[in-house]
Amino acid sequence: MTLDKAVVVFAGAVVLLSVLLSRFVHPLWILLAVFAGLNMIQAAFTGFCPAAIVFRKLGVKSGVAFR
């Protein structure tokens, strides 16, 4: 799995987890999805992605979106 795919899978998992937590635990968990969405938008414009940095340090192979 490349870095690009790992970041997208992680972001999707965070959004889904946030929706589930907001439904079954507390509605304010939806703010986690808002944070993930804002982070995806800023990463698209700046190329800076904290999740990509962590995955790179874990040894995930580089893709083309996050260098």
PDB file of N, CA and C in Angstrom:
ATOM      1  N   MET A   1       0.849  -1.169   0.000  1.00  0.00           N
ATOM      2  CA  MET A   1       0.000   0.000   0.000  1.00  0.00           C
ATOM      3  C   MET A   1       0.900   1.239   0.000  1.00  0.00           C
ATOM      4  N   THR A   2       0.558   2.198  -0.839  1.00  0.00           N
ATOM      5  CA  THR A   2       1.351   3.427  -0.901  1.00  0.00           C
ATOM      6  C   THR A   2       0.877   4.425   0.147  1.00  0.00           C
ATOM      7  N   LEU A   3       1.679   5.442   0.335  1.00  0.00           N
ATOM      8  CA  LEU A   3       1.376   6.482   1.308  1.00  0.00           C
ATOM      9  C   LEU A   3       0.046   7.162   0.995  1.00  0.00           C
ATOM     10  N   ASP A   4      -0.207   7.426  -0.278  1.00  0.00           N
ATOM     11  CA  ASP A   4      -1.452   8.088  -0.684  1.00  0.00           C
ATOM     12  C   ASP A   4      -2.673   7.274  -0.271  1.00  0.00           C
ATOM     13  N   LYS A   5      -2.636   5.993  -0.550  1.00  0.00           N
ATOM     14  CA  LYS A   5      -3.768   5.132  -0.223  1.00  0.00           C
ATOM     15  C   LYS A   5      -3.935   4.997   1.286  1.00  0.00           C
ATOM     16  N   ALA A   6      -2.818   4.906   2.013  1.00  0.00           N
ATOM     17  CA  ALA A   6      -2.886   4.783   3.475  1.00  0.00           C
ATOM     18  C   ALA A   6      -3.530   6.022   4.090  1.00  0.00           C
ATOM     19  N   VAL A   7      -3.187   7.197   3.583  1.00  0.00           N
ATOM     20  CA  VAL A   7      -3.755   8.436   4.116  1.00  0.00           C
ATOM     21  C   VAL A   7      -5.253   8.505   3.830  1.00  0.00           C
ATOM     22  N   VAL A   8      -5.657   8.125   2.629  1.00  0.00           N
ATOM     23  CA  VAL A   8      -7.076   8.167   2.270  1.00  0.00           C
ATOM     24  C   VAL A   8      -7.873   7.164   3.105  1.00  0.00           C
ATOM     25  N   VAL A   9      -7.337   5.969   3.298  1.00  0.00           N
ATOM     26  CA  VAL A   9      -8.010   4.961   4.126  1.00  0.00           C
ATOM     27  C   VAL A   9      -8.129   5.459   5.569  1.00  0.00           C
ATOM     28  N   PHE A  10      -7.063   6.043   6.086  1.00  0.00           N
ATOM     29  CA  PHE A  10      -7.088   6.563   7.453  1.00  0.00           C
ATOM     30  C   PHE A  10      -8.115   7.684   7.597  1.00  0.00           C
ATOM     31  N   ALA A  11      -8.142   8.611   6.650  1.00  0.00           N
ATOM     32  CA  ALA A  11      -9.108   9.715   6.707  1.00  0.00           C
ATOM     33  C   ALA A  11     -10.537   9.190   6.647  1.00  0.00           C
ATOM     34  N   GLY A  12     -10.784   8.226   5.786  1.00  0.00           N
ATOM     35  CA  GLY A  12     -12.118   7.640   5.702  1.00  0.00           C
ATOM     36  C   GLY A  12     -12.515   6.944   6.988  1.00  0.00           C
ATOM     37  N   ALA A  13     -11.572   6.246   7.596  1.00  0.00           N
ATOM     38  CA  ALA A  13     -11.852   5.560   8.860  1.00  0.00           C
ATOM     39  C   ALA A  13     -12.162   6.561   9.970  1.00  0.00           C
ATOM     40  N   VAL A  14     -11.429   7.683   9.991  1.00  0.00           N
ATOM     41  CA  VAL A  14     -11.684   8.711  11.004  1.00  0.00           C
ATOM     42  C   VAL A  14     -13.075   9.302  10.824  1.00  0.00           C
ATOM     43  N   VAL A  15     -13.468   9.572   9.593  1.00  0.00           N
ATOM     44  CA  VAL A  15     -14.798  10.131   9.334  1.00  0.00           C
ATOM     45  C   VAL A  15     -15.884   9.143   9.744  1.00  0.00           C
ATOM     46  N   LEU A  16     -15.738   7.883   9.351  1.00  0.00           N
ATOM     47  CA  LEU A  16     -16.739   6.884   9.721  1.00  0.00           C
ATOM     48  C   LEU A  16     -16.808   6.682  11.232  1.00  0.00           C
ATOM     49  N   LEU A  17     -15.655   6.644  11.883  1.00  0.00           N
ATOM     50  CA  LEU A  17     -15.624   6.516  13.338  1.00  0.00           C
ATOM     51  C   LEU A  17     -16.327   7.700  13.999  1.00  0.00           C
ATOM     52  N   SER A  18     -16.078   8.895  13.483  1.00  0.00           N
ATOM     53  CA  SER A  18     -16.711  10.086  14.017  1.00  0.00           C
ATOM     54  C   SER A  18     -18.231  10.025  13.889  1.00  0.00           C
ATOM     55  N   VAL A  19     -18.708   9.574  12.752  1.00  0.00           N
ATOM     56  CA  VAL A  19     -20.157   9.463  12.547  1.00  0.00           C
ATOM     57  C   VAL A  19     -20.756   8.452  13.523  1.00  0.00           C
ATOM     58  N   LEU A  20     -20.105   7.317  13.683  1.00  0.00           N
ATOM     59  CA  LEU A  20     -20.601   6.310  14.614  1.00  0.00           C
ATOM     60  C   LEU A  20     -20.593   6.813  16.053  1.00  0.00           C
ATOM     61  N   LEU A  21     -19.510   7.468  16.448  1.00  0.00           N
ATOM     62  CA  LEU A  21     -19.424   7.990  17.818  1.00  0.00           C
ATOM     63  C   LEU A  21     -20.448   9.092  18.055  1.00  0.00           C
ATOM     64  N   SER A  22     -20.688   9.922  17.038  1.00  0.00           N
ATOM     65  CA  SER A  22     -21.678  10.985  17.225  1.00  0.00           C
ATOM     66  C   SER A  22     -23.091  10.420  17.302  1.00  0.00           C
ATOM     67  N   ARG A  23     -23.316   9.296  16.670  1.00  0.00           N
ATOM     68  CA  ARG A  23     -24.643   8.668  16.695  1.00  0.00           C
ATOM     69  C   ARG A  23     -24.892   7.922  18.007  1.00  0.00           C
ATOM     70  N   PHE A  24     -23.872   7.192  18.491  1.00  0.00           N
ATOM     71  CA  PHE A  24     -24.078   6.303  19.632  1.00  0.00           C
ATOM     72  C   PHE A  24     -23.502   6.806  20.954  1.00  0.00           C
ATOM     73  N   VAL A  25     -22.617   7.797  20.930  1.00  0.00           N
ATOM     74  CA  VAL A  25     -22.004   8.267  22.176  1.00  0.00           C
ATOM     75  C   VAL A  25     -22.446   9.688  22.502  1.00  0.00           C
ATOM     76  N   HIS A  26     -22.045  10.630  21.651  1.00  0.00           N
ATOM     77  CA  HIS A  26     -22.396  12.035  21.890  1.00  0.00           C
ATOM     78  C   HIS A  26     -22.326  12.787  20.571  1.00  0.00           C
ATOM     79  N   PRO A  27     -23.289  13.679  20.309  1.00  0.00           N
ATOM     80  CA  PRO A  27     -23.330  14.390  19.024  1.00  0.00           C
ATOM     81  C   PRO A  27     -22.097  15.243  18.714  1.00  0.00           C
ATOM     82  N   LEU A  28     -21.385  15.688  19.721  1.00  0.00           N
ATOM     83  CA  LEU A  28     -20.213  16.535  19.470  1.00  0.00           C
ATOM     84  C   LEU A  28     -19.045  15.785  18.829  1.00  0.00           C
ATOM     85  N   TRP A  29     -19.101  14.454  18.787  1.00  0.00           N
ATOM     86  CA  TRP A  29     -18.065  13.689  18.103  1.00  0.00           C
ATOM     87  C   TRP A  29     -18.025  14.018  16.616  1.00  0.00           C
ATOM     88  N   ILE A  30     -19.080  14.645  16.085  1.00  0.00           N
ATOM     89  CA  ILE A  30     -19.096  15.028  14.679  1.00  0.00           C
ATOM     90  C   ILE A  30     -17.998  16.056  14.389  1.00  0.00           C
ATOM     91  N   LEU A  31     -17.532  16.741  15.425  1.00  0.00           N
ATOM     92  CA  LEU A  31     -16.434  17.700  15.253  1.00  0.00           C
ATOM     93  C   LEU A  31     -15.148  17.014  14.791  1.00  0.00           C
ATOM     94  N   LEU A  32     -14.983  15.756  15.121  1.00  0.00           N
ATOM     95  CA  LEU A  32     -13.828  15.007  14.624  1.00  0.00           C
ATOM     96  C   LEU A  32     -13.888  14.886  13.102  1.00  0.00           C
ATOM     97  N   ALA A  33     -15.063  14.652  12.562  1.00  0.00           N
ATOM     98  CA  ALA A  33     -15.226  14.583  11.101  1.00  0.00           C
ATOM     99  C   ALA A  33     -14.964  15.954  10.475  1.00  0.00           C
ATOM    100  N   VAL A  34     -15.402  17.004  11.150  1.00  0.00           N
ATOM    101  CA  VAL A  34     -15.142  18.364  10.658  1.00  0.00           C
ATOM    102  C   VAL A  34     -13.634  18.618  10.619  1.00  0.00           C
ATOM    103  N   PHE A  35     -12.935  18.253  11.676  1.00  0.00           N
ATOM    104  CA  PHE A  35     -11.481  18.416  11.715  1.00  0.00           C
ATOM    105  C   PHE A  35     -10.811  17.621  10.594  1.00  0.00           C
ATOM    106  N   ALA A  36     -11.240  16.385  10.389  1.00  0.00           N
ATOM    107  CA  ALA A  36     -10.655  15.555   9.332  1.00  0.00           C
ATOM    108  C   ALA A  36     -10.898  16.182   7.961  1.00  0.00           C
ATOM    109  N   GLY A  37     -12.104  16.680   7.742  1.00  0.00           N
ATOM    110  CA  GLY A  37     -12.416  17.321   6.468  1.00  0.00           C
ATOM    111  C   GLY A  37     -11.583  18.559   6.225  1.00  0.00           C
ATOM    112  N   LEU A  38     -11.457  19.408   7.248  1.00  0.00           N
ATOM    113  CA  LEU A  38     -10.631  20.605   7.106  1.00  0.00           C
ATOM    114  C   LEU A  38      -9.169  20.256   6.860  1.00  0.00           C
ATOM    115  N   ASN A  39      -8.694  19.201   7.523  1.00  0.00           N
ATOM    116  CA  ASN A  39      -7.318  18.774   7.322  1.00  0.00           C
ATOM    117  C   ASN A  39      -7.103  18.257   5.898  1.00  0.00           C
ATOM    118  N   MET A  40      -8.087  17.546   5.347  1.00  0.00           N
ATOM    119  CA  MET A  40      -7.968  17.058   3.966  1.00  0.00           C
ATOM    120  C   MET A  40      -7.935  18.225   2.980  1.00  0.00           C
ATOM    121  N   ILE A  41      -8.731  19.258   3.245  1.00  0.00           N
ATOM    122  CA  ILE A  41      -8.747  20.429   2.364  1.00  0.00           C
ATOM    123  C   ILE A  41      -7.410  21.168   2.413  1.00  0.00           C
ATOM    124  N   GLN A  42      -6.888  21.407   3.619  1.00  0.00           N
ATOM    125  CA  GLN A  42      -5.609  22.108   3.701  1.00  0.00           C
ATOM    126  C   GLN A  42      -4.476  21.278   3.120  1.00  0.00           C
ATOM    127  N   ALA A  43      -4.530  19.955   3.261  1.00  0.00           N
ATOM    128  CA  ALA A  43      -3.490  19.094   2.689  1.00  0.00           C
ATOM    129  C   ALA A  43      -3.517  19.143   1.163  1.00  0.00           C
ATOM    130  N   ALA A  44      -4.695  19.294   0.593  1.00  0.00           N
ATOM    131  CA  ALA A  44      -4.801  19.380  -0.864  1.00  0.00           C
ATOM    132  C   ALA A  44      -4.142  20.650  -1.385  1.00  0.00           C
ATOM    133  N   PHE A  45      -4.232  21.738  -0.625  1.00  0.00           N
ATOM    134  CA  PHE A  45      -3.658  23.001  -1.081  1.00  0.00           C
ATOM    135  C   PHE A  45      -2.194  23.172  -0.702  1.00  0.00           C
ATOM    136  N   THR A  46      -1.800  22.651   0.460  1.00  0.00           N
ATOM    137  CA  THR A  46      -0.433  22.894   0.936  1.00  0.00           C
ATOM    138  C   THR A  46       0.502  21.718   0.731  1.00  0.00           C
ATOM    139  N   GLY A  47      -0.047  20.512   0.630  1.00  0.00           N
ATOM    140  CA  GLY A  47       0.798  19.329   0.526  1.00  0.00           C
ATOM    141  C   GLY A  47       1.285  18.837   1.876  1.00  0.00           C
ATOM    142  N   PHE A  48       0.950  19.539   2.955  1.00  0.00           N
ATOM    143  CA  PHE A  48       1.354  19.142   4.308  1.00  0.00           C
ATOM    144  C   PHE A  48       0.269  18.285   4.929  1.00  0.00           C
ATOM    145  N   CYS A  49       0.620  17.056   5.299  1.00  0.00           N
ATOM    146  CA  CYS A  49      -0.341  16.143   5.893  1.00  0.00           C
ATOM    147  C   CYS A  49       0.310  15.430   7.078  1.00  0.00           C
ATOM    148  N   PRO A  50      -0.142  15.719   8.290  1.00  0.00           N
ATOM    149  CA  PRO A  50       0.439  15.067   9.468  1.00  0.00           C
ATOM    150  C   PRO A  50       0.349  13.541   9.408  1.00  0.00           C
ATOM    151  N   ALA A  51      -0.765  13.003   8.895  1.00  0.00           N
ATOM    152  CA  ALA A  51      -0.901  11.549   8.801  1.00  0.00           C
ATOM    153  C   ALA A  51       0.150  10.978   7.850  1.00  0.00           C
ATOM    154  N   ALA A  52       0.444  11.688   6.767  1.00  0.00           N
ATOM    155  CA  ALA A  52       1.456  11.227   5.819  1.00  0.00           C
ATOM    156  C   ALA A  52       2.829  11.169   6.473  1.00  0.00           C
ATOM    157  N   ILE A  53       3.110  12.132   7.332  1.00  0.00           N
ATOM    158  CA  ILE A  53       4.400  12.145   8.041  1.00  0.00           C
ATOM    159  C   ILE A  53       4.509  10.926   8.946  1.00  0.00           C
ATOM    160  N   VAL A  54       3.436  10.627   9.669  1.00  0.00           N
ATOM    161  CA  VAL A  54       3.442   9.473  10.576  1.00  0.00           C
ATOM    162  C   VAL A  54       3.582   8.174   9.788  1.00  0.00           C
ATOM    163  N   PHE A  55       2.809   8.028   8.719  1.00  0.00           N
ATOM    164  CA  PHE A  55       2.897   6.804   7.922  1.00  0.00           C
ATOM    165  C   PHE A  55       4.277   6.648   7.284  1.00  0.00           C
ATOM    166  N   ARG A  56       4.873   7.755   6.862  1.00  0.00           N
ATOM    167  CA  ARG A  56       6.219   7.686   6.273  1.00  0.00           C
ATOM    168  C   ARG A  56       7.219   7.187   7.306  1.00  0.00           C
ATOM    169  N   LYS A  57       7.094   7.677   8.549  1.00  0.00           N
ATOM    170  CA  LYS A  57       7.996   7.238   9.616  1.00  0.00           C
ATOM    171  C   LYS A  57       7.772   5.773   9.973  1.00  0.00           C
ATOM    172  N   LEU A  58       6.563   5.276   9.693  1.00  0.00           N
ATOM    173  CA  LEU A  58       6.266   3.857   9.934  1.00  0.00           C
ATOM    174  C   LEU A  58       6.743   2.966   8.787  1.00  0.00           C
ATOM    175  N   GLY A  59       7.292   3.584   7.744  1.00  0.00           N
ATOM    176  CA  GLY A  59       7.875   2.814   6.661  1.00  0.00           C
ATOM    177  C   GLY A  59       6.986   2.568   5.455  1.00  0.00           C
ATOM    178  N   VAL A  60       5.878   3.290   5.348  1.00  0.00           N
ATOM    179  CA  VAL A  60       5.000   3.120   4.187  1.00  0.00           C
ATOM    180  C   VAL A  60       5.669   3.767   2.982  1.00  0.00           C
ATOM    181  N   LYS A  61       5.622   3.068   1.838  1.00  0.00           N
ATOM    182  CA  LYS A  61       6.257   3.563   0.611  1.00  0.00           C
ATOM    183  C   LYS A  61       5.579   4.824   0.122  1.00  0.00           C
ATOM    184  N   SER A  62       6.375   5.744  -0.409  1.00  0.00           N
ATOM    185  CA  SER A  62       5.849   7.000  -0.922  1.00  0.00           C
ATOM    186  C   SER A  62       4.996   6.802  -2.153  1.00  0.00           C
ATOM    187  N   GLY A  63       3.994   7.646  -2.268  1.00  0.00           N
ATOM    188  CA  GLY A  63       3.158   7.686  -3.458  1.00  0.00           C
ATOM    189  C   GLY A  63       3.484   8.955  -4.243  1.00  0.00           C
ATOM    190  N   VAL A  64       2.512   9.483  -4.954  1.00  0.00           N
ATOM    191  CA  VAL A  64       2.774  10.684  -5.746  1.00  0.00           C
ATOM    192  C   VAL A  64       2.180  11.946  -5.131  1.00  0.00           C
ATOM    193  N   ALA A  65       1.185  11.834  -4.247  1.00  0.00           N
ATOM    194  CA  ALA A  65       0.531  13.028  -3.714  1.00  0.00           C
ATOM    195  C   ALA A  65       1.300  13.655  -2.562  1.00  0.00           C
ATOM    196  N   PHE A  66       1.830  12.858  -1.656  1.00  0.00           N
ATOM    197  CA  PHE A  66       2.536  13.375  -0.484  1.00  0.00           C
ATOM    198  C   PHE A  66       3.994  12.998  -0.573  1.00  0.00           C
ATOM    199  N   ARG A  67       4.860  13.971  -0.675  1.00  0.00           N
ATOM    200  CA  ARG A  67       6.288  13.676  -0.821  1.00  0.00           C
ATOM    201  C   ARG A  67       7.063  14.097   0.385  1.00  0.00           C
TER     202      ARG A  67
END
